[in-house]
């Protein structure tokens, strides 16, 4: 009887000290729900993703309360708060402030710009995910580095798909990062890039995300293009890949890891400044 009482008291103590926080992620403009946004701890492989209505639930019971919780999403100013203050708050609604575009519209002169495809465009190897609804690769982010010494506009992001046999569409989130200490830095996007991948959108083994109507410019600096699977599924899904190519990987807001063994086949169509011809 005494043992049962101790167990019961420990159970009550555990429940009372549980710090599973439920909340919602919304935009500052119109209080619109933000689905598929990552909420996590800076420097840790810990986090969750908001659902279709922007709601989330995250367990912070065992997390160091001096660390910071964050939400980072293309097109929005990053949200950060000390975990201790976040837990003690009465309202766990996270309001994301939308970035204001400071990029003036540029009219592309065909004489000054040319079309190019940059990045990894292999269709030989396999870089895949297997899932029964829960997988270690879920929410893992892959960023491909691009060296750039010109002004360019990103027109399309392309992913070579090796396998797509899933029970539902897959949500992909894309981001464009600046270069910071030779790894992905801050997002340069002024709007979020999320796409729904279905089998009919894969043409000749490639999924193309058209960005022609968006103003994504990079001016004479290195950058990174990332992709991340944001939804659970049952089945198999995989990118093509190339050997001896560099990719940066992370889960949630853990530190980026540089991997040079192989890289997913992520490439981009761009309009890029032509070489200036010297006068003779």
C-alpha atoms as a PDB file:
ATOM      1  CA  UNK A   1       0.000   0.000   0.000  1.00  0.00           C
ATOM      2  CA  UNK A   2       2.857   2.340   0.897  1.00  0.00           C
ATOM      3  CA  UNK A   3       4.572   1.618  -2.444  1.00  0.00           C
ATOM      4  CA  UNK A   4       1.368   2.433  -4.331  1.00  0.00           C
ATOM      5  CA  UNK A   5       1.015   5.699  -2.407  1.00  0.00           C
ATOM      6  CA  UNK A   6       4.598   6.742  -3.239  1.00  0.00           C
ATOM      7  CA  UNK A   7       4.038   5.895  -6.901  1.00  0.00           C
ATOM      8  CA  UNK A   8       0.808   7.888  -6.927  1.00  0.00           C
ATOM      9  CA  UNK A   9       2.505  10.922  -5.331  1.00  0.00           C
ATOM     10  CA  UNK A  10       5.391  10.749  -7.819  1.00  0.00           C
ATOM     11  CA  UNK A  11       2.879  10.596 -10.672  1.00  0.00           C
ATOM     12  CA  UNK A  12       1.070  13.692  -9.373  1.00  0.00           C
ATOM     13  CA  UNK A  13       4.409  15.504  -8.950  1.00  0.00           C
ATOM     14  CA  UNK A  14       5.447  14.571 -12.475  1.00  0.00           C
ATOM     15  CA  UNK A  15       2.183  15.792 -13.966  1.00  0.00           C
ATOM     16  CA  UNK A  16       2.225  19.030 -11.966  1.00  0.00           C
ATOM     17  CA  UNK A  17       5.783  19.777 -13.108  1.00  0.00           C
ATOM     18  CA  UNK A  18       5.182  18.844 -16.717  1.00  0.00           C
ATOM     19  CA  UNK A  19       5.768  21.798 -18.993  1.00  0.00           C
ATOM     20  CA  UNK A  20       4.049  20.792 -22.195  1.00  0.00           C
ATOM     21  CA  UNK A  21       3.091  24.087 -23.785  1.00  0.00           C
ATOM     22  CA  UNK A  22       0.259  24.482 -26.279  1.00  0.00           C
ATOM     23  CA  UNK A  23      -0.053  27.574 -28.395  1.00  0.00           C
ATOM     24  CA  UNK A  24      -0.601  29.028 -31.830  1.00  0.00           C
ATOM     25  CA  UNK A  25       1.578  30.767 -34.412  1.00  0.00           C
ATOM     26  CA  UNK A  26      -0.054  33.634 -36.315  1.00  0.00           C
ATOM     27  CA  UNK A  27       0.981  36.543 -38.541  1.00  0.00           C
ATOM     28  CA  UNK A  28       0.862  40.149 -37.359  1.00  0.00           C
ATOM     29  CA  UNK A  29      -1.164  41.069 -40.446  1.00  0.00           C
ATOM     30  CA  UNK A  30      -4.745  39.972 -39.890  1.00  0.00           C
ATOM     31  CA  UNK A  31      -3.877  37.375 -37.242  1.00  0.00           C
ATOM     32  CA  UNK A  32      -3.736  34.686 -39.910  1.00  0.00           C
ATOM     33  CA  UNK A  33      -2.683  31.189 -38.856  1.00  0.00           C
ATOM     34  CA  UNK A  34       0.813  30.138 -39.973  1.00  0.00           C
ATOM     35  CA  UNK A  35       0.873  26.405 -40.715  1.00  0.00           C
ATOM     36  CA  UNK A  36       4.065  24.308 -40.932  1.00  0.00           C
ATOM     37  CA  UNK A  37       6.195  26.714 -38.898  1.00  0.00           C
ATOM     38  CA  UNK A  38       9.030  25.245 -36.804  1.00  0.00           C
ATOM     39  CA  UNK A  39       9.110  26.087 -33.110  1.00  0.00           C
ATOM     40  CA  UNK A  40      12.258  24.887 -31.382  1.00  0.00           C
ATOM     41  CA  UNK A  41      15.175  25.607 -29.076  1.00  0.00           C
ATOM     42  CA  UNK A  42      18.226  27.465 -30.415  1.00  0.00           C
ATOM     43  CA  UNK A  43      21.188  25.115 -30.754  1.00  0.00           C
ATOM     44  CA  UNK A  44      19.121  22.023 -29.963  1.00  0.00           C
ATOM     45  CA  UNK A  45      17.549  19.204 -31.962  1.00  0.00           C
ATOM     46  CA  UNK A  46      14.252  19.825 -30.195  1.00  0.00           C
ATOM     47  CA  UNK A  47      11.033  21.188 -31.587  1.00  0.00           C
ATOM     48  CA  UNK A  48       7.652  20.771 -33.212  1.00  0.00           C
ATOM     49  CA  UNK A  49       5.838  22.075 -36.273  1.00  0.00           C
ATOM     50  CA  UNK A  50       2.532  23.940 -36.219  1.00  0.00           C
ATOM     51  CA  UNK A  51      -0.426  22.187 -37.847  1.00  0.00           C
ATOM     52  CA  UNK A  52      -2.753  23.441 -40.574  1.00  0.00           C
ATOM     53  CA  UNK A  53      -4.430  25.876 -38.155  1.00  0.00           C
ATOM     54  CA  UNK A  54      -1.167  27.184 -36.700  1.00  0.00           C
ATOM     55  CA  UNK A  55      -1.486  25.254 -33.418  1.00  0.00           C
ATOM     56  CA  UNK A  56       1.464  23.512 -31.790  1.00  0.00           C
ATOM     57  CA  UNK A  57       2.361  21.561 -28.663  1.00  0.00           C
ATOM     58  CA  UNK A  58       5.959  21.372 -27.383  1.00  0.00           C
ATOM     59  CA  UNK A  59       7.411  19.599 -24.339  1.00  0.00           C
ATOM     60  CA  UNK A  60       9.892  21.862 -22.505  1.00  0.00           C
ATOM     61  CA  UNK A  61       9.924  19.894 -19.248  1.00  0.00           C
ATOM     62  CA  UNK A  62      13.550  18.777 -19.390  1.00  0.00           C
ATOM     63  CA  UNK A  63      14.965  21.732 -21.339  1.00  0.00           C
ATOM     64  CA  UNK A  64      17.412  24.208 -19.799  1.00  0.00           C
ATOM     65  CA  UNK A  65      15.200  27.200 -19.010  1.00  0.00           C
ATOM     66  CA  UNK A  66      18.036  29.659 -19.706  1.00  0.00           C
ATOM     67  CA  UNK A  67      17.986  28.722 -23.387  1.00  0.00           C
ATOM     68  CA  UNK A  68      15.841  30.473 -25.967  1.00  0.00           C
ATOM     69  CA  UNK A  69      12.866  29.253 -27.919  1.00  0.00           C
ATOM     70  CA  UNK A  70      12.597  30.417 -31.517  1.00  0.00           C
ATOM     71  CA  UNK A  71      10.462  30.400 -34.632  1.00  0.00           C
ATOM     72  CA  UNK A  72      12.246  31.189 -37.906  1.00  0.00           C
ATOM     73  CA  UNK A  73      10.324  31.348 -41.154  1.00  0.00           C
ATOM     74  CA  UNK A  74      11.101  32.835 -44.557  1.00  0.00           C
ATOM     75  CA  UNK A  75       9.318  36.156 -44.996  1.00  0.00           C
ATOM     76  CA  UNK A  76       9.031  36.839 -41.259  1.00  0.00           C
ATOM     77  CA  UNK A  77      11.262  38.411 -38.607  1.00  0.00           C
ATOM     78  CA  UNK A  78      12.598  35.664 -36.347  1.00  0.00           C
ATOM     79  CA  UNK A  79      10.860  35.224 -32.984  1.00  0.00           C
ATOM     80  CA  UNK A  80      12.984  34.568 -29.877  1.00  0.00           C
ATOM     81  CA  UNK A  81      12.174  34.404 -26.165  1.00  0.00           C
ATOM     82  CA  UNK A  82      13.785  32.937 -23.043  1.00  0.00           C
ATOM     83  CA  UNK A  83      12.170  29.577 -22.279  1.00  0.00           C
ATOM     84  CA  UNK A  84      11.541  30.573 -18.653  1.00  0.00           C
ATOM     85  CA  UNK A  85       9.610  33.669 -19.721  1.00  0.00           C
ATOM     86  CA  UNK A  86       7.813  31.764 -22.475  1.00  0.00           C
ATOM     87  CA  UNK A  87       6.561  29.100 -20.032  1.00  0.00           C
ATOM     88  CA  UNK A  88       5.409  31.628 -17.437  1.00  0.00           C
ATOM     89  CA  UNK A  89       3.479  33.673 -20.008  1.00  0.00           C
ATOM     90  CA  UNK A  90      -0.303  33.429 -19.807  1.00  0.00           C
ATOM     91  CA  UNK A  91      -0.665  33.584 -23.578  1.00  0.00           C
ATOM     92  CA  UNK A  92       1.373  31.262 -25.774  1.00  0.00           C
ATOM     93  CA  UNK A  93       0.266  32.823 -29.044  1.00  0.00           C
ATOM     94  CA  UNK A  94       3.364  33.621 -31.089  1.00  0.00           C
ATOM     95  CA  UNK A  95       2.882  36.598 -33.399  1.00  0.00           C
ATOM     96  CA  UNK A  96       5.259  36.634 -36.370  1.00  0.00           C
ATOM     97  CA  UNK A  97       5.992  40.048 -37.862  1.00  0.00           C
ATOM     98  CA  UNK A  98       6.114  40.050 -41.652  1.00  0.00           C
ATOM     99  CA  UNK A  99       9.206  41.494 -43.305  1.00  0.00           C
ATOM    100  CA  UNK A 100       8.812  44.612 -45.421  1.00  0.00           C
ATOM    101  CA  UNK A 101      10.393  44.349 -48.839  1.00  0.00           C
ATOM    102  CA  UNK A 102      13.061  46.981 -49.426  1.00  0.00           C
ATOM    103  CA  UNK A 103      13.988  45.638 -52.850  1.00  0.00           C
ATOM    104  CA  UNK A 104      12.911  47.885 -55.690  1.00  0.00           C
ATOM    105  CA  UNK A 105      11.405  46.182 -58.710  1.00  0.00           C
ATOM    106  CA  UNK A 106      14.059  45.594 -61.358  1.00  0.00           C
ATOM    107  CA  UNK A 107      13.273  45.413 -65.062  1.00  0.00           C
ATOM    108  CA  UNK A 108      15.449  42.699 -66.532  1.00  0.00           C
ATOM    109  CA  UNK A 109      17.197  43.734 -69.709  1.00  0.00           C
ATOM    110  CA  UNK A 110      17.689  40.584 -71.870  1.00  0.00           C
ATOM    111  CA  UNK A 111      20.906  42.085 -73.213  1.00  0.00           C
ATOM    112  CA  UNK A 112      22.379  42.253 -69.728  1.00  0.00           C
ATOM    113  CA  UNK A 113      21.068  38.981 -68.276  1.00  0.00           C
ATOM    114  CA  UNK A 114      21.219  35.366 -69.378  1.00  0.00           C
ATOM    115  CA  UNK A 115      19.517  32.159 -68.247  1.00  0.00           C
ATOM    116  CA  UNK A 116      21.528  29.586 -66.321  1.00  0.00           C
ATOM    117  CA  UNK A 117      20.947  26.476 -64.219  1.00  0.00           C
ATOM    118  CA  UNK A 118      23.080  26.211 -61.083  1.00  0.00           C
ATOM    119  CA  UNK A 119      23.446  23.576 -58.395  1.00  0.00           C
ATOM    120  CA  UNK A 120      23.230  19.780 -58.209  1.00  0.00           C
ATOM    121  CA  UNK A 121      21.393  18.171 -61.134  1.00  0.00           C
ATOM    122  CA  UNK A 122      22.211  14.478 -60.814  1.00  0.00           C
ATOM    123  CA  UNK A 123      19.692  11.671 -61.340  1.00  0.00           C
ATOM    124  CA  UNK A 124      21.941   8.756 -60.418  1.00  0.00           C
ATOM    125  CA  UNK A 125      22.071   8.275 -56.644  1.00  0.00           C
ATOM    126  CA  UNK A 126      19.345   8.121 -53.990  1.00  0.00           C
ATOM    127  CA  UNK A 127      18.878  10.349 -50.942  1.00  0.00           C
ATOM    128  CA  UNK A 128      15.694   9.122 -49.358  1.00  0.00           C
ATOM    129  CA  UNK A 129      13.237   9.058 -46.522  1.00  0.00           C
ATOM    130  CA  UNK A 130      11.316   6.031 -45.299  1.00  0.00           C
ATOM    131  CA  UNK A 131       8.378   6.687 -43.037  1.00  0.00           C
ATOM    132  CA  UNK A 132       5.552   5.052 -41.137  1.00  0.00           C
ATOM    133  CA  UNK A 133       4.449   8.500 -40.023  1.00  0.00           C
ATOM    134  CA  UNK A 134       7.393   9.086 -37.695  1.00  0.00           C
ATOM    135  CA  UNK A 135      10.988   9.286 -38.892  1.00  0.00           C
ATOM    136  CA  UNK A 136      14.297  10.765 -37.775  1.00  0.00           C
ATOM    137  CA  UNK A 137      14.587  12.526 -41.141  1.00  0.00           C
ATOM    138  CA  UNK A 138      11.281  14.311 -40.720  1.00  0.00           C
ATOM    139  CA  UNK A 139      11.790  18.080 -40.489  1.00  0.00           C
ATOM    140  CA  UNK A 140      15.506  17.754 -41.359  1.00  0.00           C
ATOM    141  CA  UNK A 141      16.669  20.700 -43.454  1.00  0.00           C
ATOM    142  CA  UNK A 142      19.126  20.447 -46.350  1.00  0.00           C
ATOM    143  CA  UNK A 143      20.917  23.557 -47.690  1.00  0.00           C
ATOM    144  CA  UNK A 144      22.962  23.654 -50.893  1.00  0.00           C
ATOM    145  CA  UNK A 145      25.751  26.285 -51.166  1.00  0.00           C
ATOM    146  CA  UNK A 146      26.055  28.579 -54.196  1.00  0.00           C
ATOM    147  CA  UNK A 147      29.119  30.688 -54.986  1.00  0.00           C
ATOM    148  CA  UNK A 148      28.108  33.922 -56.638  1.00  0.00           C
ATOM    149  CA  UNK A 149      30.019  36.978 -57.860  1.00  0.00           C
ATOM    150  CA  UNK A 150      27.231  38.561 -59.929  1.00  0.00           C
ATOM    151  CA  UNK A 151      23.717  39.888 -59.573  1.00  0.00           C
ATOM    152  CA  UNK A 152      21.072  37.241 -60.159  1.00  0.00           C
ATOM    153  CA  UNK A 153      17.353  36.562 -59.789  1.00  0.00           C
ATOM    154  CA  UNK A 154      16.166  33.126 -58.699  1.00  0.00           C
ATOM    155  CA  UNK A 155      13.416  32.053 -61.105  1.00  0.00           C
ATOM    156  CA  UNK A 156      12.851  28.393 -60.205  1.00  0.00           C
ATOM    157  CA  UNK A 157      13.913  25.860 -57.586  1.00  0.00           C
ATOM    158  CA  UNK A 158      14.118  22.291 -58.891  1.00  0.00           C
ATOM    159  CA  UNK A 159      14.437  18.987 -57.047  1.00  0.00           C
ATOM    160  CA  UNK A 160      15.145  15.721 -58.820  1.00  0.00           C
ATOM    161  CA  UNK A 161      12.827  13.121 -57.304  1.00  0.00           C
ATOM    162  CA  UNK A 162      13.984   9.498 -57.207  1.00  0.00           C
ATOM    163  CA  UNK A 163      10.930   8.000 -55.509  1.00  0.00           C
ATOM    164  CA  UNK A 164       7.473   9.175 -54.508  1.00  0.00           C
ATOM    165  CA  UNK A 165       5.096   6.569 -53.102  1.00  0.00           C
ATOM    166  CA  UNK A 166       3.243   8.180 -50.206  1.00  0.00           C
ATOM    167  CA  UNK A 167      -0.231   8.040 -48.729  1.00  0.00           C
ATOM    168  CA  UNK A 168      -0.686  11.830 -48.943  1.00  0.00           C
ATOM    169  CA  UNK A 169       0.871  14.966 -50.443  1.00  0.00           C
ATOM    170  CA  UNK A 170       4.143  16.145 -48.899  1.00  0.00           C
ATOM    171  CA  UNK A 171       4.600  19.723 -47.721  1.00  0.00           C
ATOM    172  CA  UNK A 172       7.984  21.198 -48.632  1.00  0.00           C
ATOM    173  CA  UNK A 173       9.362  24.418 -47.202  1.00  0.00           C
ATOM    174  CA  UNK A 174      12.087  26.304 -49.076  1.00  0.00           C
ATOM    175  CA  UNK A 175      14.397  29.031 -47.845  1.00  0.00           C
ATOM    176  CA  UNK A 176      17.200  31.222 -49.188  1.00  0.00           C
ATOM    177  CA  UNK A 177      19.964  32.027 -46.707  1.00  0.00           C
ATOM    178  CA  UNK A 178      22.805  34.524 -46.743  1.00  0.00           C
ATOM    179  CA  UNK A 179      26.360  33.350 -46.146  1.00  0.00           C
ATOM    180  CA  UNK A 180      27.682  33.652 -42.588  1.00  0.00           C
ATOM    181  CA  UNK A 181      31.067  32.190 -41.703  1.00  0.00           C
ATOM    182  CA  UNK A 182      30.846  29.825 -44.693  1.00  0.00           C
ATOM    183  CA  UNK A 183      27.503  28.336 -43.647  1.00  0.00           C
ATOM    184  CA  UNK A 184      23.820  29.352 -43.878  1.00  0.00           C
ATOM    185  CA  UNK A 185      23.100  32.615 -42.063  1.00  0.00           C
ATOM    186  CA  UNK A 186      19.877  34.668 -42.055  1.00  0.00           C
ATOM    187  CA  UNK A 187      16.958  34.142 -44.421  1.00  0.00           C
ATOM    188  CA  UNK A 188      16.864  36.759 -47.183  1.00  0.00           C
ATOM    189  CA  UNK A 189      13.259  36.017 -48.152  1.00  0.00           C
ATOM    190  CA  UNK A 190      10.490  38.555 -47.756  1.00  0.00           C
ATOM    191  CA  UNK A 191       7.786  35.924 -48.106  1.00  0.00           C
ATOM    192  CA  UNK A 192       7.384  32.306 -47.125  1.00  0.00           C
ATOM    193  CA  UNK A 193       8.029  29.614 -49.757  1.00  0.00           C
ATOM    194  CA  UNK A 194       5.906  26.523 -49.110  1.00  0.00           C
ATOM    195  CA  UNK A 195       4.767  24.021 -51.728  1.00  0.00           C
ATOM    196  CA  UNK A 196       2.593  20.908 -51.796  1.00  0.00           C
ATOM    197  CA  UNK A 197       4.235  18.023 -53.626  1.00  0.00           C
ATOM    198  CA  UNK A 198       2.001  15.482 -55.341  1.00  0.00           C
ATOM    199  CA  UNK A 199       2.901  12.816 -57.881  1.00  0.00           C
ATOM    200  CA  UNK A 200       1.362  14.712 -60.803  1.00  0.00           C
ATOM    201  CA  UNK A 201       3.717  17.649 -60.149  1.00  0.00           C
ATOM    202  CA  UNK A 202       6.778  15.503 -60.834  1.00  0.00           C
ATOM    203  CA  UNK A 203       7.613  15.835 -64.545  1.00  0.00           C
ATOM    204  CA  UNK A 204      10.450  13.764 -66.015  1.00  0.00           C
ATOM    205  CA  UNK A 205      11.650  13.039 -62.491  1.00  0.00           C
ATOM    206  CA  UNK A 206      11.777  16.701 -61.434  1.00  0.00           C
ATOM    207  CA  UNK A 207       9.608  18.865 -59.192  1.00  0.00           C
ATOM    208  CA  UNK A 208       9.781  22.542 -60.179  1.00  0.00           C
ATOM    209  CA  UNK A 209       8.797  25.381 -57.854  1.00  0.00           C
ATOM    210  CA  UNK A 210       8.202  28.433 -60.063  1.00  0.00           C
ATOM    211  CA  UNK A 211       9.313  31.724 -58.480  1.00  0.00           C
ATOM    212  CA  UNK A 212       9.158  34.001 -61.530  1.00  0.00           C
ATOM    213  CA  UNK A 213       6.454  36.164 -59.942  1.00  0.00           C
ATOM    214  CA  UNK A 214       8.581  36.708 -56.824  1.00  0.00           C
ATOM    215  CA  UNK A 215      11.440  39.154 -56.397  1.00  0.00           C
ATOM    216  CA  UNK A 216      14.297  37.038 -55.072  1.00  0.00           C
ATOM    217  CA  UNK A 217      17.576  38.755 -55.900  1.00  0.00           C
ATOM    218  CA  UNK A 218      21.103  37.989 -54.723  1.00  0.00           C
ATOM    219  CA  UNK A 219      23.757  40.590 -55.438  1.00  0.00           C
ATOM    220  CA  UNK A 220      27.382  39.456 -55.661  1.00  0.00           C
ATOM    221  CA  UNK A 221      27.393  37.256 -52.570  1.00  0.00           C
ATOM    222  CA  UNK A 222      27.371  33.551 -51.782  1.00  0.00           C
ATOM    223  CA  UNK A 223      24.053  32.069 -50.677  1.00  0.00           C
ATOM    224  CA  UNK A 224      22.272  28.822 -49.792  1.00  0.00           C
ATOM    225  CA  UNK A 225      19.020  27.259 -50.986  1.00  0.00           C
ATOM    226  CA  UNK A 226      17.339  24.899 -48.536  1.00  0.00           C
ATOM    227  CA  UNK A 227      14.478  22.414 -48.604  1.00  0.00           C
ATOM    228  CA  UNK A 228      12.722  20.692 -45.745  1.00  0.00           C
ATOM    229  CA  UNK A 229       9.980  18.060 -45.483  1.00  0.00           C
ATOM    230  CA  UNK A 230       7.347  19.571 -43.161  1.00  0.00           C
ATOM    231  CA  UNK A 231       4.631  16.907 -43.059  1.00  0.00           C
ATOM    232  CA  UNK A 232       4.386  13.313 -41.949  1.00  0.00           C
ATOM    233  CA  UNK A 233       3.510  10.523 -44.383  1.00  0.00           C
ATOM    234  CA  UNK A 234       3.508   6.774 -44.815  1.00  0.00           C
ATOM    235  CA  UNK A 235       5.479   5.302 -47.668  1.00  0.00           C
ATOM    236  CA  UNK A 236       8.729   6.262 -49.341  1.00  0.00           C
ATOM    237  CA  UNK A 237      10.032   9.520 -50.718  1.00  0.00           C
ATOM    238  CA  UNK A 238      13.507  10.365 -51.926  1.00  0.00           C
ATOM    239  CA  UNK A 239      15.651  12.862 -53.817  1.00  0.00           C
ATOM    240  CA  UNK A 240      18.235  11.969 -56.382  1.00  0.00           C
ATOM    241  CA  UNK A 241      21.738  12.839 -55.224  1.00  0.00           C
ATOM    242  CA  UNK A 242      25.341  13.320 -56.326  1.00  0.00           C
ATOM    243  CA  UNK A 243      28.559  12.015 -54.797  1.00  0.00           C
ATOM    244  CA  UNK A 244      31.259  14.316 -53.408  1.00  0.00           C
ATOM    245  CA  UNK A 245      29.010  17.368 -53.301  1.00  0.00           C
ATOM    246  CA  UNK A 246      28.588  19.562 -50.236  1.00  0.00           C
ATOM    247  CA  UNK A 247      25.333  19.960 -48.311  1.00  0.00           C
ATOM    248  CA  UNK A 248      24.602  21.543 -44.942  1.00  0.00           C
ATOM    249  CA  UNK A 249      22.113  19.729 -42.693  1.00  0.00           C
ATOM    250  CA  UNK A 250      20.315  20.468 -39.445  1.00  0.00           C
ATOM    251  CA  UNK A 251      17.283  19.356 -37.455  1.00  0.00           C
ATOM    252  CA  UNK A 252      15.076  22.170 -36.165  1.00  0.00           C
ATOM    253  CA  UNK A 253      17.449  24.884 -34.860  1.00  0.00           C
ATOM    254  CA  UNK A 254      20.445  22.723 -34.094  1.00  0.00           C
ATOM    255  CA  UNK A 255      23.832  23.810 -35.476  1.00  0.00           C
ATOM    256  CA  UNK A 256      24.415  23.251 -39.190  1.00  0.00           C
ATOM    257  CA  UNK A 257      26.519  20.220 -40.098  1.00  0.00           C
ATOM    258  CA  UNK A 258      28.660  20.282 -43.241  1.00  0.00           C
ATOM    259  CA  UNK A 259      28.551  17.009 -45.198  1.00  0.00           C
ATOM    260  CA  UNK A 260      30.741  16.535 -48.280  1.00  0.00           C
ATOM    261  CA  UNK A 261      30.029  12.871 -49.055  1.00  0.00           C
ATOM    262  CA  UNK A 262      26.925  13.497 -51.140  1.00  0.00           C
ATOM    263  CA  UNK A 263      24.204  16.054 -51.731  1.00  0.00           C
ATOM    264  CA  UNK A 264      20.508  15.982 -52.703  1.00  0.00           C
ATOM    265  CA  UNK A 265      19.887  17.089 -56.303  1.00  0.00           C
ATOM    266  CA  UNK A 266      18.677  20.639 -55.699  1.00  0.00           C
ATOM    267  CA  UNK A 267      19.286  23.124 -58.489  1.00  0.00           C
ATOM    268  CA  UNK A 268      17.987  26.533 -59.524  1.00  0.00           C
ATOM    269  CA  UNK A 269      17.159  28.393 -62.723  1.00  0.00           C
ATOM    270  CA  UNK A 270      18.391  31.974 -62.572  1.00  0.00           C
ATOM    271  CA  UNK A 271      18.680  35.112 -64.623  1.00  0.00           C
ATOM    272  CA  UNK A 272      22.248  36.253 -64.106  1.00  0.00           C
ATOM    273  CA  UNK A 273      24.294  39.198 -65.294  1.00  0.00           C
ATOM    274  CA  UNK A 274      26.263  38.529 -68.444  1.00  0.00           C
ATOM    275  CA  UNK A 275      30.014  38.831 -68.522  1.00  0.00           C
ATOM    276  CA  UNK A 276      31.045  42.351 -69.463  1.00  0.00           C
ATOM    277  CA  UNK A 277      32.955  42.324 -72.688  1.00  0.00           C
ATOM    278  CA  UNK A 278      36.058  44.423 -72.747  1.00  0.00           C
ATOM    279  CA  UNK A 279      36.303  47.011 -75.509  1.00  0.00           C
ATOM    280  CA  UNK A 280      39.046  46.464 -78.056  1.00  0.00           C
END
